[in-house]
Amino acid sequence: MPARETDRRFVWPPYLTALTFFGLYSIYSLLRHAQLGTAGYDLGIFDQAIHAYADFHAPVVPLKGPGFNLLGDHFHPGLIVLVPLYWLWADAGMLLIAQAALMAISIIPIARLAVRRLGTGAGIAVAVAYGLSWGIQGAIGFDFHEVALAVPLLAYAMTSLADERWKSAALWTIPLLLVKEDMGLTVAAVGGYLLLRRQWRLGIALIVGGLAALALILLVVIPHFSPSGEYRYWGSVEQGGDQDLFQQLLNLPGSFVDHPSKFILLLCLLGMTAFAALRSPLLIVAAPVVLYRLASNNPLYWSVGFVHYNAILMPIVFVAFLDALGTLGRSYHPAVRRYARLSVAASLVFAMGVLPQFALWRFTSPDFYRFSPHVTAAHDLLRRIPDGATVAAGDYLAPQLTDRCAVILFPDRFRRVTDWVIVDSTQLSVAPAPEAQQRAALKALPGQGYRLVGDQDGILLFHRG
C-alpha cells in the first residue's frame, strides 16, 4: 500500500528546496533577459498575448502578424491564469518569474513523495536532481513557453497516480487540455495507465476525453482562429508528405541510424534515473509524447539542449523513478536492492555531471553578472523610444519593448509602417527572415523615410519623422 501519512519533520525540506530553485530560476531568467538573451520568439509573443488578455481582449499578437489571434497558432487558453500577475506588473519579466514559479512548484509534490518513500536525505537528493534536470533547465533557458503550466499539473497528477489516489490524478490531469493541443495525448496516456490499474470508468473517460479534445482542437478550434484556416503544424509530423504518422512510427527504429540524436534523447531521459524508471509502468504516460516527437521531422523535437519540449517529461520520468525504487527495494536479490540505493546517488551525479552544459552553470561565470558595453548601448538606445510608440524591432530587442510599445518584428513581411526601427546588426536572428534579407531591409530604410538617429556598437535606431 502507498504511504499516505507524512511525518511532521518532513514537511519543510520539500518547500525549502522548491523555494531555493525558484530563486535560482528567477535570477537566471531575469539576468538573461536584461542582457538581451531573450527574443521576440517566444517571450515577446507571449508577453503581447497576456497583455491582451489582461485588457480583456482576444490574444492578438502583432509580432505574429496583423490581427493574428494566437489561439490560431497553438491552443493555450490556460494562459489566462497568469493575467492577475500582469495587473500587478505588466512586463515580460513577470512571465519569466511566473515560469520559474511553475517549475519550482512542480518540485514540491515530487520532493514530498521522495521524502516519504526514501527518507529526508535521499528524498531531497532526488528532488535536487529533478530541479537540476536537463529538461527543466532547457525550458528555463528558452524564454517563456506555455508548457510551463503543464509541468506542475503533471507533477501532481503523477504523484497522485503513484499514491493510488485515482480521482485526484484525474482532476490534476484534465486541465492539461487547456495548456496545449498535444496534451490530449498525455491525458489519454494517463487514462491508459488507469485502465492498467483496473480503474475502468476513469481510464475510459480520460482516454475518450483526451482524444476527443485533441481532434476537436486540431480540426475545429485552431483552424477557426488561424488566418490560413488550418492547423499549421501538421508538417512537423510528416516526412515530405509521403508518409502518414503510422508509417513513420513503423519506420522509427531505422530512423535512429540517420538521426543518432534521437538515441541521445532516449539515453538522457532514462539515464538520468540510472535506467531504474524503466521498472515502473508509470513510464507509459510519457510514451505517446516521446513517440510522436521521435517520429517528427523537426530536429528540435529530439534536442536535449535549450528547448522547452522536454520539461513535461521530467515529472513523469522522476515519479516513475520513485515508483520503481519501491519495487526494486523490495526485491529478494541483494544486488537489485543495492542497485536501487545506488541509483538515487546516480541520479544526482548525472544531474551534476551535465550541469556545465545547461542554464544554471552560467552562475559560475563572473561575466554573467556584468553588463557588457554592447548591452549598455542597447538599453541606452531603447530608452530613447517613447512609451506607446510603434516599433519594428530585431528579434533579440523586441521583448525589451513589448511591455510599453506596439512592437512588430523587423523586417515586416506585411509592410506595416512604424515610427521607430531598432535592430542589433551584430546579432541578427533567423526570425523573421534570413540574415541577407534583414541586411537588405536595413539598407532600404533611408529610402522609406527613416533617419538614422542612433548608432552604438552596431545597434541601429531609426526614426520616421
Protein backbone atom coordinates (compact mmCIF):
# COMPACT_ATOMS: atom_id res chain seq x y z
CA MET A 1 0.00 0.00 0.00
CA PRO A 2 1.29 3.52 -0.74
CA ALA A 3 2.49 5.70 2.09
CA ARG A 4 -0.11 8.33 2.86
CA GLU A 5 0.99 9.81 6.17
CA THR A 6 3.74 12.40 6.38
CA ASP A 7 5.93 12.84 9.45
CA ARG A 8 5.86 16.48 10.56
CA ARG A 9 9.66 16.52 10.47
CA PHE A 10 9.50 16.02 6.71
CA VAL A 11 7.17 18.93 5.92
CA TRP A 12 9.61 21.79 5.34
CA PRO A 13 12.51 20.33 3.30
CA PRO A 14 10.43 19.97 0.09
CA TYR A 15 9.20 23.56 0.33
CA LEU A 16 12.67 24.93 1.10
CA THR A 17 14.07 23.02 -1.87
CA ALA A 18 11.37 24.45 -4.14
CA LEU A 19 11.94 27.97 -2.82
CA THR A 20 15.68 27.70 -3.45
CA PHE A 21 15.15 26.62 -7.05
CA PHE A 22 12.55 29.36 -7.55
CA GLY A 23 15.22 31.88 -6.61
CA LEU A 24 17.78 30.32 -8.93
CA TYR A 25 15.38 30.06 -11.87
CA SER A 26 14.11 33.63 -11.39
CA ILE A 27 17.51 35.27 -11.02
CA TYR A 28 18.88 33.40 -14.02
CA SER A 29 15.88 34.27 -16.22
CA LEU A 30 15.79 37.96 -15.28
CA LEU A 31 19.55 38.40 -15.72
CA ARG A 32 19.40 36.69 -19.08
CA HIS A 33 16.52 38.93 -20.13
CA ALA A 34 18.32 42.09 -19.01
CA GLN A 35 21.37 41.03 -21.02
CA LEU A 36 19.30 40.69 -24.23
CA GLY A 37 19.32 36.91 -24.11
CA THR A 38 15.58 36.61 -24.74
CA ALA A 39 13.76 37.03 -28.04
CA GLY A 40 10.52 38.11 -29.64
CA TYR A 41 10.05 34.43 -30.47
CA ASP A 42 8.77 33.35 -27.91
CA LEU A 43 8.92 35.74 -24.95
CA GLY A 44 7.69 38.79 -26.83
CA ILE A 45 4.84 36.83 -28.39
CA PHE A 46 3.53 35.57 -25.06
CA ASP A 47 4.02 38.98 -23.46
CA GLN A 48 1.75 40.54 -26.10
CA ALA A 49 -0.81 37.75 -25.63
CA ILE A 50 -1.01 38.14 -21.85
CA HIS A 51 -1.18 41.93 -22.21
CA ALA A 52 -4.22 41.44 -24.45
CA TYR A 53 -5.87 39.04 -22.00
CA ALA A 54 -5.18 41.46 -19.15
CA ASP A 55 -7.04 44.15 -21.08
CA PHE A 56 -9.97 41.73 -21.64
CA HIS A 57 -9.18 41.36 -25.35
CA ALA A 58 -8.53 38.36 -27.57
CA PRO A 59 -4.84 37.32 -27.62
CA VAL A 60 -3.95 39.22 -30.79
CA VAL A 61 -0.17 39.27 -31.26
CA PRO A 62 1.29 41.85 -33.71
CA LEU A 63 4.65 40.05 -33.65
CA LYS A 64 2.98 37.15 -35.49
CA GLY A 65 1.13 39.35 -37.96
CA PRO A 66 -1.64 41.95 -38.24
CA GLY A 67 -4.68 40.82 -36.25
CA PHE A 68 -3.09 37.42 -35.55
CA ASN A 69 -5.01 35.56 -32.84
CA LEU A 70 -2.53 33.35 -31.00
CA LEU A 71 -5.21 30.68 -30.47
CA GLY A 72 -4.89 30.08 -34.22
CA ASP A 73 -1.29 29.01 -33.67
CA HIS A 74 -1.48 26.84 -30.55
CA PHE A 75 -4.35 26.16 -28.16
CA HIS A 76 -3.39 27.52 -24.74
CA PRO A 77 -6.31 29.32 -23.06
CA GLY A 78 -4.86 28.21 -19.73
CA LEU A 79 -2.51 31.20 -20.00
CA ILE A 80 -5.40 33.29 -18.70
CA VAL A 81 -4.48 32.20 -15.17
CA LEU A 82 -1.41 34.46 -15.45
CA VAL A 83 -3.48 37.58 -16.08
CA PRO A 84 -3.70 38.67 -12.40
CA LEU A 85 0.10 38.80 -12.34
CA TYR A 86 0.00 41.36 -15.16
CA TRP A 87 -2.38 43.51 -13.17
CA LEU A 88 0.48 43.76 -10.67
CA TRP A 89 3.38 44.18 -13.10
CA ALA A 90 2.73 44.11 -16.84
CA ASP A 91 6.19 43.20 -18.05
CA ALA A 92 7.87 40.35 -19.89
CA GLY A 93 9.93 39.81 -16.75
CA MET A 94 6.77 38.79 -14.94
CA LEU A 95 6.32 35.91 -17.39
CA LEU A 96 9.83 34.71 -16.62
CA ILE A 97 9.13 34.87 -12.87
CA ALA A 98 5.84 33.02 -13.39
CA GLN A 99 7.62 30.29 -15.33
CA ALA A 100 10.25 30.00 -12.59
CA ALA A 101 7.47 29.67 -10.01
CA LEU A 102 5.63 26.99 -12.00
CA MET A 103 8.78 24.92 -12.41
CA ALA A 104 9.63 25.31 -8.73
CA ILE A 105 6.10 24.37 -7.63
CA SER A 106 6.46 21.09 -9.51
CA ILE A 107 9.33 20.19 -7.17
CA ILE A 108 7.03 20.17 -4.13
CA PRO A 109 4.92 17.05 -4.83
CA ILE A 110 7.91 15.13 -6.17
CA ALA A 111 10.03 16.06 -3.14
CA ARG A 112 7.22 15.14 -0.73
CA LEU A 113 6.76 11.76 -2.39
CA ALA A 114 10.52 11.17 -2.38
CA VAL A 115 10.90 12.10 1.30
CA ARG A 116 8.01 9.86 2.32
CA ARG A 117 9.40 6.89 0.47
CA LEU A 118 13.15 7.33 0.84
CA GLY A 119 13.65 9.49 3.92
CA THR A 120 14.72 13.11 4.08
CA GLY A 121 18.29 12.81 2.82
CA ALA A 122 17.71 10.54 -0.15
CA GLY A 123 14.37 12.20 -0.91
CA ILE A 124 15.83 15.69 -1.14
CA ALA A 125 18.69 14.30 -3.25
CA VAL A 126 16.11 13.13 -5.80
CA ALA A 127 14.30 16.47 -5.58
CA VAL A 128 17.56 18.32 -6.27
CA ALA A 129 18.29 16.01 -9.21
CA TYR A 130 14.84 16.85 -10.55
CA GLY A 131 15.30 20.59 -10.04
CA LEU A 132 18.62 20.42 -11.90
CA SER A 133 17.31 18.07 -14.59
CA TRP A 134 18.27 18.97 -18.13
CA GLY A 135 14.65 19.18 -19.29
CA ILE A 136 13.72 21.77 -16.68
CA GLN A 137 16.88 23.77 -17.28
CA GLY A 138 16.29 23.63 -21.03
CA ALA A 139 12.91 25.30 -20.55
CA ILE A 140 14.29 27.91 -18.14
CA GLY A 141 16.95 28.78 -20.70
CA PHE A 142 14.39 29.11 -23.51
CA ASP A 143 12.43 32.28 -22.74
CA PHE A 144 8.81 31.51 -21.76
CA HIS A 145 6.52 28.84 -23.12
CA GLU A 146 3.04 27.64 -22.30
CA VAL A 147 4.27 24.15 -21.34
CA ALA A 148 5.38 25.71 -18.04
CA LEU A 149 1.73 25.39 -16.98
CA ALA A 150 1.79 21.66 -17.66
CA VAL A 151 4.82 20.83 -15.52
CA PRO A 152 3.25 21.31 -12.04
CA LEU A 153 -0.02 19.78 -13.21
CA LEU A 154 1.85 16.67 -14.34
CA ALA A 155 3.90 16.57 -11.14
CA TYR A 156 0.74 16.49 -9.01
CA ALA A 157 -1.04 14.09 -11.36
CA MET A 158 1.86 11.64 -11.43
CA THR A 159 2.41 11.66 -7.67
CA SER A 160 -1.33 11.06 -7.24
CA LEU A 161 -1.04 8.04 -9.52
CA ALA A 162 1.95 6.78 -7.54
CA ASP A 163 -0.08 7.12 -4.33
CA GLU A 164 -3.11 5.44 -5.94
CA ARG A 165 -5.29 8.50 -5.49
CA TRP A 166 -7.08 7.94 -8.76
CA LYS A 167 -9.67 10.73 -8.68
CA SER A 168 -7.06 13.26 -7.62
CA ALA A 169 -4.87 12.16 -10.53
CA ALA A 170 -7.74 12.65 -12.96
CA LEU A 171 -8.54 16.11 -11.60
CA TRP A 172 -4.91 17.22 -11.98
CA THR A 173 -4.78 15.74 -15.49
CA ILE A 174 -7.88 17.29 -17.06
CA PRO A 175 -6.62 20.93 -17.01
CA LEU A 176 -3.75 19.85 -19.29
CA LEU A 177 -6.24 20.13 -22.15
CA LEU A 178 -6.13 23.93 -21.70
CA VAL A 179 -2.32 24.11 -21.85
CA LYS A 180 -1.55 22.98 -25.38
CA GLU A 181 -3.27 20.99 -28.10
CA ASP A 182 -0.98 17.93 -27.90
CA MET A 183 -1.69 17.48 -24.19
CA GLY A 184 -4.71 15.42 -25.23
CA LEU A 185 -2.26 12.58 -25.87
CA THR A 186 -0.92 12.83 -22.34
CA VAL A 187 -4.44 12.88 -20.87
CA ALA A 188 -5.23 9.73 -22.86
CA ALA A 189 -1.97 8.13 -21.68
CA VAL A 190 -2.94 8.73 -18.04
CA GLY A 191 -6.25 7.09 -18.87
CA GLY A 192 -4.34 4.11 -20.28
CA TYR A 193 -2.42 3.74 -17.04
CA LEU A 194 -5.69 3.86 -15.08
CA LEU A 195 -7.04 1.01 -17.23
CA LEU A 196 -3.87 -0.92 -16.41
CA ARG A 197 -4.74 -0.45 -12.74
CA ARG A 198 -8.36 -1.57 -13.38
CA GLN A 199 -9.84 1.89 -12.87
CA TRP A 200 -12.19 1.33 -15.79
CA ARG A 201 -14.50 4.33 -15.66
CA LEU A 202 -11.85 6.96 -15.03
CA GLY A 203 -9.50 5.37 -17.53
CA ILE A 204 -12.04 5.23 -20.35
CA ALA A 205 -13.23 8.75 -19.58
CA LEU A 206 -9.70 10.18 -19.83
CA ILE A 207 -8.86 8.25 -23.00
CA VAL A 208 -12.06 9.27 -24.78
CA GLY A 209 -11.94 12.83 -23.44
CA GLY A 210 -8.26 13.33 -24.29
CA LEU A 211 -8.54 12.02 -27.83
CA ALA A 212 -11.84 13.80 -28.50
CA ALA A 213 -10.41 17.09 -27.24
CA LEU A 214 -7.31 16.58 -29.39
CA ALA A 215 -9.41 16.06 -32.51
CA LEU A 216 -11.75 18.96 -31.74
CA ILE A 217 -8.90 21.38 -31.09
CA LEU A 218 -6.83 20.38 -34.14
CA LEU A 219 -9.70 20.10 -36.62
CA VAL A 220 -12.09 22.82 -35.44
CA VAL A 221 -10.85 25.25 -32.78
CA ILE A 222 -7.38 26.16 -34.08
CA PRO A 223 -8.49 26.33 -37.75
CA HIS A 224 -11.30 28.68 -36.66
CA PHE A 225 -8.79 31.19 -35.30
CA SER A 226 -6.00 30.54 -37.80
CA PRO A 227 -5.56 33.00 -40.70
CA SER A 228 -4.97 30.04 -43.02
CA GLY A 229 -8.00 28.14 -41.75
CA GLU A 230 -5.92 25.09 -40.79
CA TYR A 231 -3.53 23.76 -38.18
CA ARG A 232 -0.14 24.84 -39.50
CA TYR A 233 1.98 22.24 -37.68
CA TRP A 234 0.75 19.12 -39.44
CA GLY A 235 4.00 19.19 -41.39
CA SER A 236 6.06 18.67 -38.24
CA VAL A 237 4.94 15.03 -38.17
CA GLU A 238 5.19 14.34 -41.88
CA GLN A 239 8.15 13.22 -43.95
CA GLY A 240 7.76 15.25 -47.09
CA GLY A 241 4.05 14.43 -47.22
CA ASP A 242 4.67 10.87 -48.48
CA GLN A 243 4.18 9.08 -45.16
CA ASP A 244 1.44 9.23 -42.59
CA LEU A 245 2.21 9.16 -38.88
CA PHE A 246 1.51 5.42 -38.61
CA GLN A 247 4.05 4.66 -41.33
CA GLN A 248 6.59 6.90 -39.65
CA LEU A 249 6.15 5.06 -36.36
CA LEU A 250 6.75 1.75 -38.16
CA ASN A 251 9.91 3.16 -39.71
CA LEU A 252 11.05 4.74 -36.44
CA PRO A 253 13.73 2.16 -35.49
CA GLY A 254 15.54 2.71 -38.79
CA SER A 255 15.46 6.48 -38.38
CA PHE A 256 17.86 6.22 -35.42
CA VAL A 257 20.61 5.41 -37.92
CA ASP A 258 20.06 8.64 -39.85
CA HIS A 259 19.39 10.70 -36.73
CA PRO A 260 21.50 9.46 -33.79
CA SER A 261 20.36 12.47 -31.75
CA LYS A 262 17.10 10.57 -31.24
CA PHE A 263 19.05 7.90 -29.40
CA ILE A 264 20.73 10.58 -27.30
CA LEU A 265 17.29 11.88 -26.26
CA LEU A 266 16.24 8.43 -25.05
CA LEU A 267 19.59 7.88 -23.37
CA CYS A 268 19.31 11.15 -21.45
CA LEU A 269 15.67 10.54 -20.50
CA LEU A 270 16.40 7.13 -18.99
CA GLY A 271 19.99 7.69 -17.94
CA MET A 272 19.08 10.47 -15.51
CA THR A 273 17.48 7.81 -13.29
CA ALA A 274 20.18 5.19 -13.95
CA PHE A 275 17.53 3.44 -16.08
CA ALA A 276 15.61 2.49 -12.94
CA ALA A 277 12.47 4.30 -14.17
CA LEU A 278 12.05 1.52 -16.75
CA ARG A 279 10.87 -0.71 -13.91
CA SER A 280 7.70 1.38 -13.37
CA PRO A 281 4.57 1.11 -15.52
CA LEU A 282 4.03 4.84 -14.85
CA LEU A 283 6.56 5.47 -17.61
CA ILE A 284 3.90 4.63 -20.20
CA VAL A 285 2.41 8.10 -19.58
CA ALA A 286 5.41 9.55 -21.44
CA ALA A 287 5.20 7.10 -24.35
CA PRO A 288 2.78 8.92 -26.72
CA VAL A 289 4.62 12.24 -26.49
CA VAL A 290 8.04 10.64 -26.92
CA LEU A 291 6.89 8.55 -29.87
CA TYR A 292 5.37 11.38 -31.88
CA ARG A 293 8.38 13.57 -31.18
CA LEU A 294 10.76 10.86 -32.36
CA ALA A 295 8.61 10.34 -35.46
CA SER A 296 8.65 14.05 -36.25
CA ASN A 297 10.91 15.62 -38.87
CA ASN A 298 11.62 18.61 -36.59
CA PRO A 299 15.15 18.24 -35.09
CA LEU A 300 14.19 20.47 -32.16
CA TYR A 301 11.83 17.71 -31.02
CA TRP A 302 14.83 15.43 -30.50
CA SER A 303 17.06 18.05 -28.89
CA VAL A 304 18.30 17.78 -25.31
CA GLY A 305 19.52 21.40 -25.29
CA PHE A 306 17.86 24.75 -24.70
CA VAL A 307 14.35 23.80 -25.78
CA HIS A 308 11.12 23.68 -23.81
CA TYR A 309 9.80 20.40 -25.19
CA ASN A 310 11.48 18.17 -22.61
CA ALA A 311 10.15 19.89 -19.48
CA ILE A 312 6.87 17.95 -19.42
CA LEU A 313 8.76 14.65 -19.47
CA MET A 314 10.73 15.39 -16.32
CA PRO A 315 7.94 14.91 -13.71
CA ILE A 316 6.77 11.76 -15.49
CA VAL A 317 10.20 10.14 -15.51
CA PHE A 318 11.11 11.15 -11.95
CA VAL A 319 7.84 9.92 -10.42
CA ALA A 320 8.27 6.67 -12.37
CA PHE A 321 11.76 6.53 -10.85
CA LEU A 322 10.40 6.88 -7.32
CA ASP A 323 7.76 4.28 -8.03
CA ALA A 324 10.38 1.89 -9.37
CA LEU A 325 12.61 2.34 -6.33
CA GLY A 326 9.88 0.89 -4.14
CA THR A 327 9.66 -2.22 -6.31
CA LEU A 328 13.41 -2.63 -6.64
CA GLY A 329 13.96 -2.04 -2.93
CA ARG A 330 11.67 -4.97 -2.08
CA SER A 331 13.49 -7.41 -4.34
CA TYR A 332 14.74 -10.73 -2.95
CA HIS A 333 18.08 -10.18 -4.68
CA PRO A 334 20.62 -8.12 -2.69
CA ALA A 335 22.19 -6.84 -5.92
CA VAL A 336 18.87 -5.37 -7.03
CA ARG A 337 18.31 -3.70 -3.67
CA ARG A 338 21.84 -2.28 -3.83
CA TYR A 339 21.15 -1.02 -7.34
CA ALA A 340 18.04 0.79 -6.06
CA ARG A 341 20.07 2.56 -3.38
CA LEU A 342 22.89 3.48 -5.76
CA SER A 343 20.51 4.78 -8.41
CA VAL A 344 19.46 7.63 -6.09
CA ALA A 345 23.05 8.82 -5.89
CA ALA A 346 23.49 8.16 -9.61
CA SER A 347 20.57 10.45 -10.49
CA LEU A 348 22.15 13.31 -8.56
CA VAL A 349 25.59 12.59 -10.04
CA PHE A 350 24.07 12.61 -13.54
CA ALA A 351 22.36 15.96 -12.91
CA MET A 352 25.57 17.47 -11.59
CA GLY A 353 27.64 15.94 -14.37
CA VAL A 354 25.65 17.53 -17.19
CA LEU A 355 25.21 20.82 -15.35
CA PRO A 356 28.04 22.62 -17.26
CA GLN A 357 26.01 22.17 -20.44
CA PHE A 358 22.92 23.94 -19.16
CA ALA A 359 21.49 27.22 -17.92
CA LEU A 360 22.32 27.32 -14.22
CA TRP A 361 26.03 26.77 -14.88
CA ARG A 362 26.21 30.40 -16.01
CA PHE A 363 26.06 31.39 -12.34
CA THR A 364 29.69 30.28 -12.14
CA SER A 365 30.78 32.86 -14.74
CA PRO A 366 31.61 36.38 -13.47
CA ASP A 367 30.58 37.78 -16.86
CA PHE A 368 27.02 36.66 -16.20
CA TYR A 369 26.64 39.39 -13.59
CA ARG A 370 28.12 42.21 -15.70
CA PHE A 371 26.53 44.30 -18.41
CA SER A 372 28.81 44.45 -21.44
CA PRO A 373 29.26 47.78 -23.28
CA HIS A 374 27.14 46.30 -26.06
CA VAL A 375 24.20 45.58 -23.73
CA THR A 376 24.54 49.00 -22.11
CA ALA A 377 24.46 50.66 -25.54
CA ALA A 378 21.33 48.71 -26.43
CA HIS A 379 19.50 49.83 -23.30
CA ASP A 380 20.56 53.44 -23.91
CA LEU A 381 19.01 53.39 -27.37
CA LEU A 382 15.91 51.52 -26.22
CA ARG A 383 15.23 54.24 -23.65
CA ARG A 384 15.08 56.80 -26.44
CA ILE A 385 11.93 55.18 -27.82
CA PRO A 386 8.89 56.77 -26.13
CA ASP A 387 6.13 54.75 -24.48
CA GLY A 388 3.24 53.94 -26.80
CA ALA A 389 5.32 54.24 -29.96
CA THR A 390 5.03 51.80 -32.85
CA VAL A 391 8.32 49.95 -33.31
CA ALA A 392 9.81 47.42 -35.69
CA ALA A 393 12.49 45.64 -33.66
CA GLY A 394 15.02 42.90 -34.19
CA ASP A 395 14.13 39.58 -32.61
CA TYR A 396 16.52 39.97 -29.67
CA LEU A 397 15.36 43.51 -28.89
CA ALA A 398 11.60 43.02 -29.29
CA PRO A 399 10.86 41.64 -25.77
CA GLN A 400 12.55 44.68 -24.24
CA LEU A 401 9.75 46.85 -25.68
CA THR A 402 6.57 44.76 -25.78
CA ASP A 403 5.51 45.91 -22.30
CA ARG A 404 5.28 49.59 -23.35
CA CYS A 405 5.17 49.82 -27.16
CA ALA A 406 3.32 48.35 -30.11
CA VAL A 407 6.03 46.06 -31.49
CA ILE A 408 6.41 44.10 -34.70
CA LEU A 409 9.44 42.19 -35.94
CA PHE A 410 11.90 43.73 -38.39
CA PRO A 411 11.75 43.28 -41.30
CA ASP A 412 7.99 43.06 -41.52
CA ARG A 413 6.72 40.94 -44.40
CA PHE A 414 3.34 42.68 -44.13
CA ARG A 415 4.98 46.07 -44.83
CA ARG A 416 3.44 47.77 -41.80
CA VAL A 417 4.78 51.29 -41.17
CA THR A 418 6.15 52.13 -37.70
CA ASP A 419 7.52 55.24 -36.01
CA TRP A 420 10.77 53.59 -35.00
CA VAL A 421 13.07 50.79 -36.10
CA ILE A 422 15.74 49.32 -33.81
CA VAL A 423 17.99 46.45 -34.84
CA ASP A 424 21.17 44.89 -33.46
CA SER A 425 23.12 44.48 -36.69
CA THR A 426 25.76 42.39 -34.91
CA GLN A 427 23.26 39.74 -33.82
CA LEU A 428 20.57 39.02 -36.37
CA SER A 429 18.16 36.20 -35.56
CA VAL A 430 16.81 33.69 -38.05
CA ALA A 431 13.38 35.27 -37.43
CA PRO A 432 11.55 36.61 -39.30
CA ALA A 433 13.82 36.41 -42.37
CA PRO A 434 17.30 35.21 -43.38
CA GLU A 435 20.20 37.47 -42.45
CA ALA A 436 20.78 38.64 -46.03
CA GLN A 437 17.18 39.85 -46.29
CA GLN A 438 17.43 41.64 -42.96
CA ARG A 439 20.59 43.50 -44.01
CA ALA A 440 18.99 44.46 -47.33
CA ALA A 441 15.94 45.77 -45.44
CA LEU A 442 18.22 47.87 -43.21
CA LYS A 443 19.89 49.46 -46.23
CA ALA A 444 16.49 50.29 -47.70
CA LEU A 445 15.22 52.20 -44.64
CA PRO A 446 16.57 55.69 -45.61
CA GLY A 447 14.70 55.45 -48.89
CA GLN A 448 11.50 54.75 -46.96
CA GLY A 449 11.64 57.93 -44.91
CA TYR A 450 13.60 56.67 -41.91
CA ARG A 451 16.52 58.64 -40.48
CA LEU A 452 19.34 57.06 -38.51
CA VAL A 453 19.24 58.76 -35.10
CA GLY A 454 21.38 56.35 -33.09
CA ASP A 455 24.29 54.04 -33.82
CA GLN A 456 26.09 52.48 -30.86
CA ASP A 457 28.22 49.38 -31.08
CA GLY A 458 26.33 48.12 -34.12
CA ILE A 459 22.87 48.74 -32.67
CA LEU A 460 20.93 50.97 -35.08
CA LEU A 461 17.98 53.19 -34.18
CA PHE A 462 15.90 54.77 -36.96
CA HIS A 463 13.06 57.28 -36.64
CA ARG A 464 10.43 58.14 -39.20
CA GLY A 465 9.66 61.85 -38.90
